[in-house]
Structures are given as C-alpha cells and as structure tokens.
Amino acid sequence: RLMPAIHDGRAVLANALRLAQAARLLEVPCWGTEQNPQGLGPLDASLLPLIQKVLPKMTFAAAEQLVPRLRPPARAPQGNARSLPRHLQKAAAAPQDERESIVLAGCEAHVCLLQTALELVEQEFEVWIVTDACGSRTERNRDAAFDRLAGAGCELVTTEMVIFEWLRSAEHPRFKEALALVK
C-alpha cells in the first residue's frame, strides 16, 4: 500500500526486481522484510517468487531478523575435543554460509532501510545500499538517508554496479543472462 506514495516508486520497484532476479540467477541469498504487513500490506507480488524468505516485522530496523541468517549460530564441536593435545587441535572454521557483507534495497529509505543499515554497520557488516532500488515518500527524505548512510560507512551503489560486481568477469557462466537483466 505504500509503493504508490513512494517518489519514483515504479523505477524503485523495477530496480529491486532486477536486483532480486540477478540474485536468483547468481545464487545470492535474497530475503525480504515487511514492515507491519497487516497495516501496510505485503511485499509486491512480483518480488515474492524471487525471495527465499519473507520476514515480517514491527520494528523499523530488520537487523534482528537478518543477523541470525547472516551469522548462523556456531555448530557444536564434533568428536571428543580432549582426544588431541590442545596444540594439535584445529581451530573451528567459520561456517560456510556466514556473510560479512549485505546488499540492501527498499522503502522507506529514511526509516526502515536507514535503521537496518546503521544497526548492521554497528555489528561490523559491510553494507551496500542500492540507491536506485531505494525510495521514500519524498526525494528529500531519501537523499538525507543516503547522506547519513554514506557518512556511517555504507557503500552507495546502483543495481548495475551490484550485478557486475557479483559477476566479476565477462567469463562468468551466467554473464549473458545477467547482461539481459541490465539491458
């Protein structure tokens, strides 16, 4: 229900859709959050098939919902830890699915997106804000959010920048498919 009120809402949604399509194509995990879904309604239906999980929330920030997915709890040690002398025991490796960076897009940039990003930066994540896939009801609120996010250390990027950084090379096996999303 909020999207019709978002400044350049159609373009914001189109870029969020391209970003989610690229994430699916390149096997990058993609989650969505819904702020007060009873009051504001669900995510746009075009995004739902591309998102692995929708996380409803009432708080403005979504870090509480995202961090457990970005940094899963450590696994219990396997075997008997006392069977080897301490100096021969291997240090526990970081979980394979742990991530230190996150790409964020969404509305409202000056409220939910801003508070989520600031909490993630505080927890030492590298946060990328996809500016052309973010919106607010007013351009001024959106731009103020971008200023504050940049000052907090977030990387401000565009949809195309993210897609090409995920690809890394024109030799990527999915390059042509990803390029079609950009064109």
C-alpha atoms as a PDB file:
ATOM      1  CA  ARG A   1       0.000   0.000   0.000  1.00  0.00           C
ATOM      2  CA  LEU A   2       2.991   2.289   0.444  1.00  0.00           C
ATOM      3  CA  MET A   3       4.524   1.959  -3.048  1.00  0.00           C
ATOM      4  CA  PRO A   4       2.107   4.345  -4.816  1.00  0.00           C
ATOM      5  CA  ALA A   5       3.242   7.104  -2.422  1.00  0.00           C
ATOM      6  CA  ILE A   6       6.994   6.465  -2.968  1.00  0.00           C
ATOM      7  CA  HIS A   7       8.852   9.063  -5.048  1.00  0.00           C
ATOM      8  CA  ASP A   8       9.736   7.322  -8.380  1.00  0.00           C
ATOM      9  CA  GLY A   9       8.099   4.198  -6.954  1.00  0.00           C
ATOM     10  CA  ARG A  10       7.834   2.370 -10.286  1.00  0.00           C
ATOM     11  CA  ALA A  11      11.553   2.797 -11.013  1.00  0.00           C
ATOM     12  CA  VAL A  12      12.471   1.764  -7.442  1.00  0.00           C
ATOM     13  CA  LEU A  13      10.375  -1.395  -7.759  1.00  0.00           C
ATOM     14  CA  ALA A  14      11.744  -2.189 -11.242  1.00  0.00           C
ATOM     15  CA  ASN A  15      15.322  -1.955  -9.948  1.00  0.00           C
ATOM     16  CA  ALA A  16      14.516  -4.033  -6.850  1.00  0.00           C
ATOM     17  CA  LEU A  17      13.025  -6.648  -9.167  1.00  0.00           C
ATOM     18  CA  ARG A  18      16.161  -6.668 -11.391  1.00  0.00           C
ATOM     19  CA  LEU A  19      18.337  -6.977  -8.298  1.00  0.00           C
ATOM     20  CA  ALA A  20      16.295  -9.923  -6.982  1.00  0.00           C
ATOM     21  CA  GLN A  21      16.371 -11.585 -10.432  1.00  0.00           C
ATOM     22  CA  ALA A  22      20.161 -11.227 -10.554  1.00  0.00           C
ATOM     23  CA  ALA A  23      20.462 -12.603  -7.019  1.00  0.00           C
ATOM     24  CA  ARG A  24      18.395 -15.647  -8.008  1.00  0.00           C
ATOM     25  CA  LEU A  25      20.399 -16.139 -11.225  1.00  0.00           C
ATOM     26  CA  LEU A  26      23.752 -15.872  -9.430  1.00  0.00           C
ATOM     27  CA  GLU A  27      22.648 -17.873  -6.368  1.00  0.00           C
ATOM     28  CA  VAL A  28      22.959 -14.974  -3.935  1.00  0.00           C
ATOM     29  CA  PRO A  29      20.599 -15.407  -0.957  1.00  0.00           C
ATOM     30  CA  CYS A  30      17.713 -12.943  -1.092  1.00  0.00           C
ATOM     31  CA  TRP A  31      15.303 -12.144   1.736  1.00  0.00           C
ATOM     32  CA  GLY A  32      12.535  -9.622   2.052  1.00  0.00           C
ATOM     33  CA  THR A  33      11.118  -7.839   5.063  1.00  0.00           C
ATOM     34  CA  GLU A  34       7.623  -6.497   5.537  1.00  0.00           C
ATOM     35  CA  GLN A  35       7.035  -3.607   7.896  1.00  0.00           C
ATOM     36  CA  ASN A  36       3.695  -4.048   9.650  1.00  0.00           C
ATOM     37  CA  PRO A  37       2.219  -6.277   6.918  1.00  0.00           C
ATOM     38  CA  GLN A  38      -1.275  -6.069   8.484  1.00  0.00           C
ATOM     39  CA  GLY A  39      -1.289  -2.287   8.127  1.00  0.00           C
ATOM     40  CA  LEU A  40       0.924  -1.641   5.086  1.00  0.00           C
ATOM     41  CA  GLY A  41       0.273  -4.846   3.161  1.00  0.00           C
ATOM     42  CA  PRO A  42       2.636  -7.498   1.790  1.00  0.00           C
ATOM     43  CA  LEU A  43       5.667  -7.121  -0.451  1.00  0.00           C
ATOM     44  CA  ASP A  44       4.901  -6.545  -4.105  1.00  0.00           C
ATOM     45  CA  ALA A  45       3.756  -9.853  -5.629  1.00  0.00           C
ATOM     46  CA  SER A  46       6.376  -9.660  -8.416  1.00  0.00           C
ATOM     47  CA  LEU A  47       9.162  -9.990  -5.822  1.00  0.00           C
ATOM     48  CA  LEU A  48       7.745 -12.964  -3.921  1.00  0.00           C
ATOM     49  CA  PRO A  49       8.877 -15.757  -6.312  1.00  0.00           C
ATOM     50  CA  LEU A  50      12.451 -14.418  -6.180  1.00  0.00           C
ATOM     51  CA  ILE A  51      12.772 -14.176  -2.415  1.00  0.00           C
ATOM     52  CA  GLN A  52      13.774 -17.153  -0.289  1.00  0.00           C
ATOM     53  CA  LYS A  53      12.032 -15.930   2.856  1.00  0.00           C
ATOM     54  CA  VAL A  54       9.813 -13.008   3.818  1.00  0.00           C
ATOM     55  CA  LEU A  55      10.437 -11.725   7.333  1.00  0.00           C
ATOM     56  CA  PRO A  56       7.548  -9.760   8.855  1.00  0.00           C
ATOM     57  CA  LYS A  57       8.478  -7.144  11.449  1.00  0.00           C
ATOM     58  CA  MET A  58       7.033  -4.378  13.545  1.00  0.00           C
ATOM     59  CA  THR A  59      10.336  -2.705  14.460  1.00  0.00           C
ATOM     60  CA  PHE A  60      11.679  -0.279  11.885  1.00  0.00           C
ATOM     61  CA  ALA A  61      15.105  -1.933  11.737  1.00  0.00           C
ATOM     62  CA  ALA A  62      15.385  -5.503  10.426  1.00  0.00           C
ATOM     63  CA  ALA A  63      18.832  -6.361  11.805  1.00  0.00           C
ATOM     64  CA  GLU A  64      17.278  -8.575  14.475  1.00  0.00           C
ATOM     65  CA  GLN A  65      15.683 -10.704  11.736  1.00  0.00           C
ATOM     66  CA  LEU A  66      18.688 -10.634   9.371  1.00  0.00           C
ATOM     67  CA  VAL A  67      21.722 -11.201  11.600  1.00  0.00           C
ATOM     68  CA  PRO A  68      20.819 -14.804  12.525  1.00  0.00           C
ATOM     69  CA  ARG A  69      20.676 -15.571   8.794  1.00  0.00           C
ATOM     70  CA  LEU A  70      23.925 -13.758   8.065  1.00  0.00           C
ATOM     71  CA  ARG A  71      25.811 -15.220  11.033  1.00  0.00           C
ATOM     72  CA  PRO A  72      24.263 -18.558  11.943  1.00  0.00           C
ATOM     73  CA  PRO A  73      24.989 -19.917  15.430  1.00  0.00           C
ATOM     74  CA  ALA A  74      28.250 -21.844  15.743  1.00  0.00           C
ATOM     75  CA  ARG A  75      27.985 -25.611  15.402  1.00  0.00           C
ATOM     76  CA  ALA A  76      28.833 -27.793  18.357  1.00  0.00           C
ATOM     77  CA  PRO A  77      32.298 -29.358  18.097  1.00  0.00           C
ATOM     78  CA  GLN A  78      32.370 -32.824  16.526  1.00  0.00           C
ATOM     79  CA  GLY A  79      34.089 -35.702  18.281  1.00  0.00           C
ATOM     80  CA  ASN A  80      35.906 -35.697  21.577  1.00  0.00           C
ATOM     81  CA  ALA A  81      37.822 -32.423  21.932  1.00  0.00           C
ATOM     82  CA  ARG A  82      40.018 -33.989  24.609  1.00  0.00           C
ATOM     83  CA  SER A  83      41.315 -36.689  22.264  1.00  0.00           C
ATOM     84  CA  LEU A  84      44.119 -34.464  20.905  1.00  0.00           C
ATOM     85  CA  PRO A  85      46.541 -32.214  22.763  1.00  0.00           C
ATOM     86  CA  ARG A  86      45.429 -28.581  22.549  1.00  0.00           C
ATOM     87  CA  HIS A  87      48.294 -27.553  20.237  1.00  0.00           C
ATOM     88  CA  LEU A  88      47.203 -30.175  17.660  1.00  0.00           C
ATOM     89  CA  GLN A  89      43.532 -29.261  17.642  1.00  0.00           C
ATOM     90  CA  LYS A  90      42.363 -27.322  14.590  1.00  0.00           C
ATOM     91  CA  ALA A  91      40.671 -24.000  15.130  1.00  0.00           C
ATOM     92  CA  ALA A  92      36.986 -24.091  14.257  1.00  0.00           C
ATOM     93  CA  ALA A  93      36.428 -22.792  10.746  1.00  0.00           C
ATOM     94  CA  ALA A  94      33.872 -20.073  10.117  1.00  0.00           C
ATOM     95  CA  PRO A  95      30.587 -21.501   8.829  1.00  0.00           C
ATOM     96  CA  GLN A  96      30.414 -21.679   5.012  1.00  0.00           C
ATOM     97  CA  ASP A  97      27.190 -19.701   4.895  1.00  0.00           C
ATOM     98  CA  GLU A  98      28.387 -16.834   7.104  1.00  0.00           C
ATOM     99  CA  ARG A  99      28.403 -13.470   5.327  1.00  0.00           C
ATOM    100  CA  GLU A 100      30.172 -10.264   6.240  1.00  0.00           C
ATOM    101  CA  SER A 101      28.505  -8.058   3.643  1.00  0.00           C
ATOM    102  CA  ILE A 102      24.890  -7.365   2.806  1.00  0.00           C
ATOM    103  CA  VAL A 103      23.188  -5.571  -0.074  1.00  0.00           C
ATOM    104  CA  LEU A 104      20.120  -3.572   0.972  1.00  0.00           C
ATOM    105  CA  ALA A 105      17.320  -2.063  -1.081  1.00  0.00           C
ATOM    106  CA  GLY A 106      13.856  -0.928  -0.088  1.00  0.00           C
ATOM    107  CA  CYS A 107      11.488   1.646   1.329  1.00  0.00           C
ATOM    108  CA  GLU A 108      11.329   3.839   3.261  1.00  0.00           C
ATOM    109  CA  ALA A 109      14.998   4.702   2.910  1.00  0.00           C
ATOM    110  CA  HIS A 110      14.993   7.249   5.732  1.00  0.00           C
ATOM    111  CA  VAL A 111      13.276   4.943   8.239  1.00  0.00           C
ATOM    112  CA  CYS A 112      13.443   1.137   7.874  1.00  0.00           C
ATOM    113  CA  LEU A 113      16.353   0.906   5.464  1.00  0.00           C
ATOM    114  CA  LEU A 114      18.375   3.519   7.365  1.00  0.00           C
ATOM    115  CA  GLN A 115      17.838   1.953  10.791  1.00  0.00           C
ATOM    116  CA  THR A 116      18.568  -1.547   9.456  1.00  0.00           C
ATOM    117  CA  ALA A 117      21.784  -0.406   7.776  1.00  0.00           C
ATOM    118  CA  LEU A 118      23.006   1.516  10.815  1.00  0.00           C
ATOM    119  CA  GLU A 119      22.456  -1.490  13.082  1.00  0.00           C
ATOM    120  CA  LEU A 120      24.288  -3.769  10.625  1.00  0.00           C
ATOM    121  CA  VAL A 121      27.235  -1.338  10.403  1.00  0.00           C
ATOM    122  CA  GLU A 122      27.317  -1.258  14.198  1.00  0.00           C
ATOM    123  CA  GLN A 123      27.608  -5.059  14.109  1.00  0.00           C
ATOM    124  CA  GLU A 124      30.554  -4.715  11.706  1.00  0.00           C
ATOM    125  CA  PHE A 125      28.875  -5.775   8.463  1.00  0.00           C
ATOM    126  CA  GLU A 126      29.896  -4.229   5.161  1.00  0.00           C
ATOM    127  CA  VAL A 127      26.629  -2.657   3.966  1.00  0.00           C
ATOM    128  CA  TRP A 128      25.890  -1.808   0.343  1.00  0.00           C
ATOM    129  CA  ILE A 129      22.887   0.438  -0.298  1.00  0.00           C
ATOM    130  CA  VAL A 130      21.415   0.076  -3.802  1.00  0.00           C
ATOM    131  CA  THR A 131      20.359   3.687  -4.279  1.00  0.00           C
ATOM    132  CA  ASP A 132      18.244   3.224  -7.411  1.00  0.00           C
ATOM    133  CA  ALA A 133      16.291   0.420  -5.681  1.00  0.00           C
ATOM    134  CA  CYS A 134      15.530   2.532  -2.579  1.00  0.00           C
ATOM    135  CA  GLY A 135      12.827   5.087  -2.092  1.00  0.00           C
ATOM    136  CA  SER A 136      10.973   7.319   0.324  1.00  0.00           C
ATOM    137  CA  ARG A 137       7.776   9.298   0.018  1.00  0.00           C
ATOM    138  CA  THR A 138       9.836  12.415  -0.634  1.00  0.00           C
ATOM    139  CA  GLU A 139      13.060  12.843  -2.548  1.00  0.00           C
ATOM    140  CA  ARG A 140      14.476  14.924   0.313  1.00  0.00           C
ATOM    141  CA  ASN A 141      13.979  12.156   2.879  1.00  0.00           C
ATOM    142  CA  ARG A 142      15.585   9.613   0.533  1.00  0.00           C
ATOM    143  CA  ASP A 143      18.592  11.853  -0.155  1.00  0.00           C
ATOM    144  CA  ALA A 144      19.028  12.659   3.546  1.00  0.00           C
ATOM    145  CA  ALA A 145      19.106   8.922   4.247  1.00  0.00           C
ATOM    146  CA  PHE A 146      21.801   8.426   1.586  1.00  0.00           C
ATOM    147  CA  ASP A 147      23.885  11.236   3.085  1.00  0.00           C
ATOM    148  CA  ARG A 148      23.654   9.730   6.554  1.00  0.00           C
ATOM    149  CA  LEU A 149      24.345   6.195   5.314  1.00  0.00           C
ATOM    150  CA  ALA A 150      27.436   7.295   3.389  1.00  0.00           C
ATOM    151  CA  GLY A 151      28.684   9.125   6.467  1.00  0.00           C
ATOM    152  CA  ALA A 152      28.191   5.946   8.523  1.00  0.00           C
ATOM    153  CA  GLY A 153      30.392   3.963   6.141  1.00  0.00           C
ATOM    154  CA  CYS A 154      27.858   2.306   3.853  1.00  0.00           C
ATOM    155  CA  GLU A 155      28.733   1.844   0.186  1.00  0.00           C
ATOM    156  CA  LEU A 156      26.242   3.631  -2.057  1.00  0.00           C
ATOM    157  CA  VAL A 157      25.850   1.670  -5.290  1.00  0.00           C
ATOM    158  CA  THR A 158      23.410   1.096  -8.155  1.00  0.00           C
ATOM    159  CA  THR A 159      21.692  -2.049  -9.361  1.00  0.00           C
ATOM    160  CA  GLU A 160      24.084  -2.379 -12.314  1.00  0.00           C
ATOM    161  CA  MET A 161      27.126  -1.909 -10.082  1.00  0.00           C
ATOM    162  CA  VAL A 162      25.986  -4.760  -7.841  1.00  0.00           C
ATOM    163  CA  ILE A 163      25.201  -7.104 -10.736  1.00  0.00           C
ATOM    164  CA  PHE A 164      28.607  -6.575 -12.359  1.00  0.00           C
ATOM    165  CA  GLU A 165      30.424  -6.915  -9.017  1.00  0.00           C
ATOM    166  CA  TRP A 166      28.603 -10.192  -8.382  1.00  0.00           C
ATOM    167  CA  LEU A 167      29.658 -11.394 -11.863  1.00  0.00           C
ATOM    168  CA  ARG A 168      33.301 -10.238 -11.536  1.00  0.00           C
ATOM    169  CA  SER A 169      34.064 -11.203 -15.155  1.00  0.00           C
ATOM    170  CA  ALA A 170      32.539 -11.449 -18.639  1.00  0.00           C
ATOM    171  CA  GLU A 171      33.678 -15.071 -18.459  1.00  0.00           C
ATOM    172  CA  HIS A 172      31.159 -15.853 -15.725  1.00  0.00           C
ATOM    173  CA  PRO A 173      28.954 -18.742 -16.931  1.00  0.00           C
ATOM    174  CA  ARG A 174      25.767 -16.693 -16.319  1.00  0.00           C
ATOM    175  CA  PHE A 175      27.141 -13.444 -17.815  1.00  0.00           C
ATOM    176  CA  LYS A 176      24.808 -13.308 -20.841  1.00  0.00           C
ATOM    177  CA  GLU A 177      21.745 -13.966 -18.708  1.00  0.00           C
ATOM    178  CA  ALA A 178      22.769 -11.290 -16.219  1.00  0.00           C
ATOM    179  CA  LEU A 179      23.537  -8.866 -19.023  1.00  0.00           C
ATOM    180  CA  ALA A 180      19.988  -9.322 -20.304  1.00  0.00           C
ATOM    181  CA  LEU A 181      18.739  -8.052 -16.928  1.00  0.00           C
ATOM    182  CA  VAL A 182      20.872  -4.925 -17.280  1.00  0.00           C
ATOM    183  CA  LYS A 183      19.768  -4.231 -20.847  1.00  0.00           C
END
